[in-house]
């Protein structure tokens, strides 16, 4: 089974982790809890009339936990390298291996830079439409890839796009995560 490591516990990271874990990939998430969502209130998030950012995080974290994400709360990733096709991610003096990484660290682009990801002239991480960086199987999302276009629902969509591309690579065909009412029973 392929292993995905997600770095960041805001809407982008939680969304990416949800989709990969829900669809059978071993997923580890590192969350320092420094997301802007702690000071947000969502009125403009599709499907949600009004929710405090902290309450939203509580619901989203419970959801990823239900799908078996190995969520490492308050653990900061301090290093990341790629050796062949494998990523080595260091947190709390422990190194983890992964086939894919999803970077969701807000405006902090240090890990992307240390991994060797290309940047645009605006100094944001350069990604394609699937959120993949110039480093194969490394994805960047949310505020890392946008110049002053920061919005929770966009970030969540970026995380989902990265996850669906990973799942497409794993299955060898376009992957669609489309549930029906019967799936919820």
Protein backbone atom coordinates (compact mmCIF):
# COMPACT_ATOMS: atom_id res chain seq x y z
CA UNK A 1 0.00 0.00 0.00
CA UNK A 2 1.28 3.47 -0.85
CA UNK A 3 1.93 5.90 1.94
CA UNK A 4 0.97 9.58 1.81
CA UNK A 5 2.33 12.16 4.24
CA UNK A 6 0.42 15.41 4.59
CA UNK A 7 2.12 18.35 6.28
CA UNK A 8 -0.41 20.86 7.60
CA UNK A 9 -3.70 20.61 9.43
CA UNK A 10 -5.80 23.38 7.91
CA UNK A 11 -8.51 22.92 5.25
CA UNK A 12 -6.04 21.89 2.50
CA UNK A 13 -4.17 19.32 4.57
CA UNK A 14 -7.27 17.86 6.19
CA UNK A 15 -9.05 17.63 2.83
CA UNK A 16 -6.10 15.88 1.18
CA UNK A 17 -5.76 13.46 4.09
CA UNK A 18 -9.49 12.73 4.08
CA UNK A 19 -9.60 11.77 0.40
CA UNK A 20 -6.46 9.62 0.42
CA UNK A 21 -7.39 7.74 3.62
CA UNK A 22 -11.04 7.34 2.66
CA UNK A 23 -9.92 5.67 -0.54
CA UNK A 24 -7.53 3.19 1.00
CA UNK A 25 -4.12 4.86 1.10
CA UNK A 26 -2.08 4.78 4.29
CA UNK A 27 -2.08 8.45 5.33
CA UNK A 28 -0.09 10.30 8.00
CA UNK A 29 -0.78 13.94 8.80
CA UNK A 30 1.41 16.33 10.80
CA UNK A 31 -0.39 19.30 12.32
CA UNK A 32 1.25 22.06 14.38
CA UNK A 33 -2.14 23.73 14.87
CA UNK A 34 -0.89 27.07 13.56
CA UNK A 35 -3.61 27.38 10.93
CA UNK A 36 -5.35 30.68 10.31
CA UNK A 37 -8.62 28.85 10.85
CA UNK A 38 -8.20 29.44 14.59
CA UNK A 39 -9.04 33.11 14.01
CA UNK A 40 -11.61 32.58 11.24
CA UNK A 41 -15.36 32.37 11.09
CA UNK A 42 -16.82 30.71 8.00
CA UNK A 43 -19.82 32.35 6.34
CA UNK A 44 -18.63 31.70 2.81
CA UNK A 45 -17.79 27.99 2.88
CA UNK A 46 -20.06 26.06 0.55
CA UNK A 47 -22.60 23.99 2.48
CA UNK A 48 -21.96 25.70 5.80
CA UNK A 49 -24.18 28.57 6.85
CA UNK A 50 -21.96 29.71 9.72
CA UNK A 51 -19.28 28.04 11.83
CA UNK A 52 -16.40 29.20 13.97
CA UNK A 53 -12.99 28.21 12.56
CA UNK A 54 -12.05 26.25 15.68
CA UNK A 55 -15.34 24.32 15.58
CA UNK A 56 -14.76 23.62 11.88
CA UNK A 57 -11.31 22.20 12.67
CA UNK A 58 -12.77 19.98 15.39
CA UNK A 59 -15.33 18.54 12.97
CA UNK A 60 -12.77 18.09 10.16
CA UNK A 61 -10.24 16.42 12.47
CA UNK A 62 -12.87 14.02 13.77
CA UNK A 63 -13.77 13.17 10.19
CA UNK A 64 -10.19 12.34 9.13
CA UNK A 65 -9.73 10.36 12.35
CA UNK A 66 -12.80 8.27 11.46
CA UNK A 67 -11.13 7.33 8.16
CA UNK A 68 -7.97 6.17 9.90
CA UNK A 69 -5.57 9.02 9.25
CA UNK A 70 -2.54 8.76 11.54
CA UNK A 71 -2.83 12.35 12.78
CA UNK A 72 0.22 13.60 14.64
CA UNK A 73 -1.05 16.64 16.51
CA UNK A 74 1.45 19.33 17.57
CA UNK A 75 4.33 17.67 15.73
CA UNK A 76 6.37 19.89 13.45
CA UNK A 77 8.06 18.51 10.37
CA UNK A 78 11.66 19.70 10.54
CA UNK A 79 13.05 18.15 7.39
CA UNK A 80 12.15 16.50 4.13
CA UNK A 81 14.24 14.88 1.41
CA UNK A 82 13.61 12.68 -1.58
CA UNK A 83 15.74 9.60 -2.20
CA UNK A 84 14.79 8.00 -5.50
CA UNK A 85 11.04 7.60 -5.44
CA UNK A 86 10.76 7.77 -1.65
CA UNK A 87 10.32 10.82 0.55
CA UNK A 88 11.90 10.94 3.99
CA UNK A 89 10.06 13.23 6.39
CA UNK A 90 11.51 14.07 9.82
CA UNK A 91 9.36 15.12 12.78
CA UNK A 92 10.15 14.90 16.49
CA UNK A 93 13.53 13.27 15.65
CA UNK A 94 11.76 10.39 13.87
CA UNK A 95 12.00 9.83 10.12
CA UNK A 96 9.00 8.57 8.16
CA UNK A 97 9.00 7.25 4.59
CA UNK A 98 6.32 8.04 2.03
CA UNK A 99 5.56 7.59 -1.63
CA UNK A 100 3.78 10.96 -1.84
CA UNK A 101 3.82 14.21 0.13
CA UNK A 102 1.19 16.93 0.27
CA UNK A 103 2.47 20.26 1.58
CA UNK A 104 -0.24 22.39 3.19
CA UNK A 105 1.78 24.77 5.35
CA UNK A 106 0.12 28.06 4.50
CA UNK A 107 2.52 30.80 3.47
CA UNK A 108 5.49 28.91 4.93
CA UNK A 109 7.21 27.56 1.84
CA UNK A 110 10.44 26.42 3.53
CA UNK A 111 9.81 22.67 3.12
CA UNK A 112 8.99 23.12 -0.56
CA UNK A 113 12.22 25.06 -1.04
CA UNK A 114 14.30 22.48 0.82
CA UNK A 115 12.78 19.73 -1.33
CA UNK A 116 13.82 21.61 -4.47
CA UNK A 117 10.37 22.59 -5.74
CA UNK A 118 10.31 25.26 -8.42
CA UNK A 119 8.89 28.68 -7.56
CA UNK A 120 7.17 31.25 -9.76
CA UNK A 121 8.40 34.81 -10.30
CA UNK A 122 5.93 35.80 -7.54
CA UNK A 123 7.80 33.49 -5.12
CA UNK A 124 4.98 30.99 -4.66
CA UNK A 125 5.37 27.26 -5.24
CA UNK A 126 4.85 26.43 -8.92
CA UNK A 127 2.23 23.69 -9.39
CA UNK A 128 0.20 22.26 -12.25
CA UNK A 129 -3.60 21.98 -12.24
CA UNK A 130 -3.38 18.81 -10.09
CA UNK A 131 -1.31 20.68 -7.46
CA UNK A 132 1.82 18.65 -8.31
CA UNK A 133 5.11 20.52 -7.97
CA UNK A 134 8.21 20.18 -10.11
CA UNK A 135 9.26 17.36 -7.76
CA UNK A 136 7.43 14.22 -8.86
CA UNK A 137 4.81 13.05 -6.33
CA UNK A 138 5.17 16.18 -4.19
CA UNK A 139 2.11 18.42 -4.03
CA UNK A 140 1.66 21.95 -2.71
CA UNK A 141 -1.68 23.51 -1.79
CA UNK A 142 -3.45 26.59 -0.52
CA UNK A 143 -1.55 29.76 0.35
CA UNK A 144 1.77 28.14 -0.69
CA UNK A 145 0.72 28.34 -4.34
CA UNK A 146 -1.32 31.56 -4.38
CA UNK A 147 -0.25 35.15 -4.12
CA UNK A 148 -2.70 36.85 -1.75
CA UNK A 149 -5.59 34.58 -2.79
CA UNK A 150 -6.17 32.83 0.51
CA UNK A 151 -9.56 31.33 1.17
CA UNK A 152 -10.52 28.20 3.12
CA UNK A 153 -12.75 26.62 0.48
CA UNK A 154 -10.07 27.13 -2.21
CA UNK A 155 -7.49 25.51 0.05
CA UNK A 156 -9.78 22.54 0.72
CA UNK A 157 -10.25 22.16 -3.04
CA UNK A 158 -6.49 22.24 -3.57
CA UNK A 159 -6.07 19.45 -1.02
CA UNK A 160 -8.79 17.41 -2.73
CA UNK A 161 -7.19 17.97 -6.16
CA UNK A 162 -3.83 16.74 -4.88
CA UNK A 163 -5.43 13.66 -3.30
CA UNK A 164 -7.43 12.77 -6.41
CA UNK A 165 -4.30 13.04 -8.56
CA UNK A 166 -2.45 10.72 -6.18
CA UNK A 167 -5.36 8.28 -6.35
CA UNK A 168 -5.38 8.53 -10.16
CA UNK A 169 -1.69 7.65 -10.24
CA UNK A 170 -2.30 4.73 -7.90
CA UNK A 171 -5.19 3.29 -9.93
CA UNK A 172 -3.69 4.07 -13.33
CA UNK A 173 -6.84 5.83 -14.48
CA UNK A 174 -8.76 9.02 -13.64
CA UNK A 175 -10.08 8.66 -10.11
CA UNK A 176 -13.41 10.14 -9.03
CA UNK A 177 -14.53 10.28 -5.43
CA UNK A 178 -18.28 10.44 -5.92
CA UNK A 179 -20.48 9.09 -3.15
CA UNK A 180 -24.15 8.23 -3.39
CA UNK A 181 -26.74 8.10 -0.59
CA UNK A 182 -26.24 4.34 -0.41
CA UNK A 183 -22.55 4.92 0.45
CA UNK A 184 -23.57 6.78 3.61
CA UNK A 185 -25.63 3.92 4.99
